[in-house]
Amino acid sequence: MPEQNLVSQGLELMIFGMGVVFVFLIMLVFVTGLMSKLVTKFTPEPVLVPVKPKVNKQSGVDPQLLKVLSAAVKEHRERQK
């Protein structure tokens, strides 16, 4: 009979532990969602300013290579639309 008692205690402990973990995970989901809403509410939207790349003539970048790369980027962006 003592083995039966050990098994039942083990099952009770397992169910209690799984319940605690489940409740913690549910609370974590709700708290994370609440924090996300608060952060988006109280932080301003970032202002993105487009920056043109500066090409240094002294850097040794091949102008032909630069033209080819620019054409490839333009082609890729057109295909994405």
C-alpha atoms as a PDB file:
ATOM      1  CA  MET A   1       0.000   0.000   0.000  1.00  0.00           C
ATOM      2  CA  PRO A   2       2.806   2.510   0.607  1.00  0.00           C
ATOM      3  CA  GLU A   3       3.711   2.332  -3.097  1.00  0.00           C
ATOM      4  CA  GLN A   4       0.182   3.387  -4.022  1.00  0.00           C
ATOM      5  CA  ASN A   5       0.505   6.344  -1.662  1.00  0.00           C
ATOM      6  CA  LEU A   6       3.817   7.365  -3.276  1.00  0.00           C
ATOM      7  CA  VAL A   7       2.325   7.193  -6.758  1.00  0.00           C
ATOM      8  CA  SER A   8      -0.668   9.296  -5.784  1.00  0.00           C
ATOM      9  CA  GLN A   9       1.576  11.879  -4.108  1.00  0.00           C
ATOM     10  CA  GLY A  10       3.765  11.974  -7.209  1.00  0.00           C
ATOM     11  CA  LEU A  11       0.742  12.531  -9.447  1.00  0.00           C
ATOM     12  CA  GLU A  12      -0.544  15.288  -7.171  1.00  0.00           C
ATOM     13  CA  LEU A  13       2.850  16.994  -7.204  1.00  0.00           C
ATOM     14  CA  MET A  14       3.043  16.687 -11.002  1.00  0.00           C
ATOM     15  CA  ILE A  15      -0.414  18.186 -11.505  1.00  0.00           C
ATOM     16  CA  PHE A  16       0.322  20.999  -9.042  1.00  0.00           C
ATOM     17  CA  GLY A  17       3.635  21.803 -10.759  1.00  0.00           C
ATOM     18  CA  MET A  18       2.119  21.771 -14.231  1.00  0.00           C
ATOM     19  CA  GLY A  19      -0.711  23.999 -13.009  1.00  0.00           C
ATOM     20  CA  VAL A  20       1.731  26.522 -11.569  1.00  0.00           C
ATOM     21  CA  VAL A  21       3.703  26.610 -14.818  1.00  0.00           C
ATOM     22  CA  PHE A  22       0.516  26.971 -16.870  1.00  0.00           C
ATOM     23  CA  VAL A  23      -0.746  29.871 -14.733  1.00  0.00           C
ATOM     24  CA  PHE A  24       2.660  31.565 -14.909  1.00  0.00           C
ATOM     25  CA  LEU A  25       2.746  31.289 -18.712  1.00  0.00           C
ATOM     26  CA  ILE A  26      -0.779  32.694 -19.044  1.00  0.00           C
ATOM     27  CA  MET A  27       0.180  35.628 -16.809  1.00  0.00           C
ATOM     28  CA  LEU A  28       3.352  36.142 -18.854  1.00  0.00           C
ATOM     29  CA  VAL A  29       1.342  36.377 -22.092  1.00  0.00           C
ATOM     30  CA  PHE A  30      -1.036  38.974 -20.653  1.00  0.00           C
ATOM     31  CA  VAL A  31       1.699  41.058 -18.990  1.00  0.00           C
ATOM     32  CA  THR A  32       3.772  41.052 -22.189  1.00  0.00           C
ATOM     33  CA  GLY A  33       0.761  42.193 -24.221  1.00  0.00           C
ATOM     34  CA  LEU A  34       0.005  44.928 -21.709  1.00  0.00           C
ATOM     35  CA  MET A  35       3.611  46.140 -21.746  1.00  0.00           C
ATOM     36  CA  SER A  36       3.571  46.199 -25.543  1.00  0.00           C
ATOM     37  CA  LYS A  37       0.441  48.341 -25.590  1.00  0.00           C
ATOM     38  CA  LEU A  38       1.872  50.723 -22.993  1.00  0.00           C
ATOM     39  CA  VAL A  39       5.152  51.128 -24.847  1.00  0.00           C
ATOM     40  CA  THR A  40       3.445  51.845 -28.174  1.00  0.00           C
ATOM     41  CA  LYS A  41       1.115  54.321 -26.467  1.00  0.00           C
ATOM     42  CA  PHE A  42       3.732  56.359 -24.614  1.00  0.00           C
ATOM     43  CA  THR A  43       6.669  56.362 -27.042  1.00  0.00           C
ATOM     44  CA  PRO A  44       6.699  58.667 -30.071  1.00  0.00           C
ATOM     45  CA  GLU A  45       6.985  57.344 -33.587  1.00  0.00           C
ATOM     46  CA  PRO A  46      10.545  57.552 -34.898  1.00  0.00           C
ATOM     47  CA  VAL A  47      11.101  59.961 -37.762  1.00  0.00           C
ATOM     48  CA  LEU A  48      13.040  58.317 -40.548  1.00  0.00           C
ATOM     49  CA  VAL A  49      15.071  60.656 -42.705  1.00  0.00           C
ATOM     50  CA  PRO A  50      16.394  59.211 -45.956  1.00  0.00           C
ATOM     51  CA  VAL A  51      20.140  59.568 -46.229  1.00  0.00           C
ATOM     52  CA  LYS A  52      21.927  59.644 -49.544  1.00  0.00           C
ATOM     53  CA  PRO A  53      25.112  57.649 -49.513  1.00  0.00           C
ATOM     54  CA  LYS A  54      28.230  59.749 -49.784  1.00  0.00           C
ATOM     55  CA  VAL A  55      30.659  58.505 -52.392  1.00  0.00           C
ATOM     56  CA  ASN A  56      34.203  59.572 -51.773  1.00  0.00           C
ATOM     57  CA  LYS A  57      36.087  59.987 -55.026  1.00  0.00           C
ATOM     58  CA  GLN A  58      39.329  59.263 -53.180  1.00  0.00           C
ATOM     59  CA  SER A  59      38.114  55.936 -51.745  1.00  0.00           C
ATOM     60  CA  GLY A  60      39.114  53.892 -54.764  1.00  0.00           C
ATOM     61  CA  VAL A  61      35.596  52.626 -55.542  1.00  0.00           C
ATOM     62  CA  ASP A  62      35.315  51.706 -59.186  1.00  0.00           C
ATOM     63  CA  PRO A  63      32.636  53.940 -60.796  1.00  0.00           C
ATOM     64  CA  GLN A  64      31.645  51.136 -63.182  1.00  0.00           C
ATOM     65  CA  LEU A  65      31.081  48.778 -60.248  1.00  0.00           C
ATOM     66  CA  LEU A  66      29.037  51.448 -58.502  1.00  0.00           C
ATOM     67  CA  LYS A  67      26.807  51.844 -61.578  1.00  0.00           C
ATOM     68  CA  VAL A  68      26.299  48.082 -61.848  1.00  0.00           C
ATOM     69  CA  LEU A  69      25.410  47.786 -58.176  1.00  0.00           C
ATOM     70  CA  SER A  70      23.000  50.723 -58.399  1.00  0.00           C
ATOM     71  CA  ALA A  71      21.280  49.162 -61.418  1.00  0.00           C
ATOM     72  CA  ALA A  72      20.995  45.825 -59.610  1.00  0.00           C
ATOM     73  CA  VAL A  73      19.424  47.445 -56.534  1.00  0.00           C
ATOM     74  CA  LYS A  74      17.001  49.404 -58.728  1.00  0.00           C
ATOM     75  CA  GLU A  75      16.013  46.218 -60.594  1.00  0.00           C
ATOM     76  CA  HIS A  76      15.482  44.349 -57.326  1.00  0.00           C
ATOM     77  CA  ARG A  77      13.291  47.099 -55.880  1.00  0.00           C
ATOM     78  CA  GLU A  78      11.164  47.216 -59.040  1.00  0.00           C
ATOM     79  CA  ARG A  79      10.600  43.450 -58.894  1.00  0.00           C
ATOM     80  CA  GLN A  80       9.518  43.679 -55.245  1.00  0.00           C
ATOM     81  CA  LYS A  81       6.675  46.081 -56.089  1.00  0.00           C
END
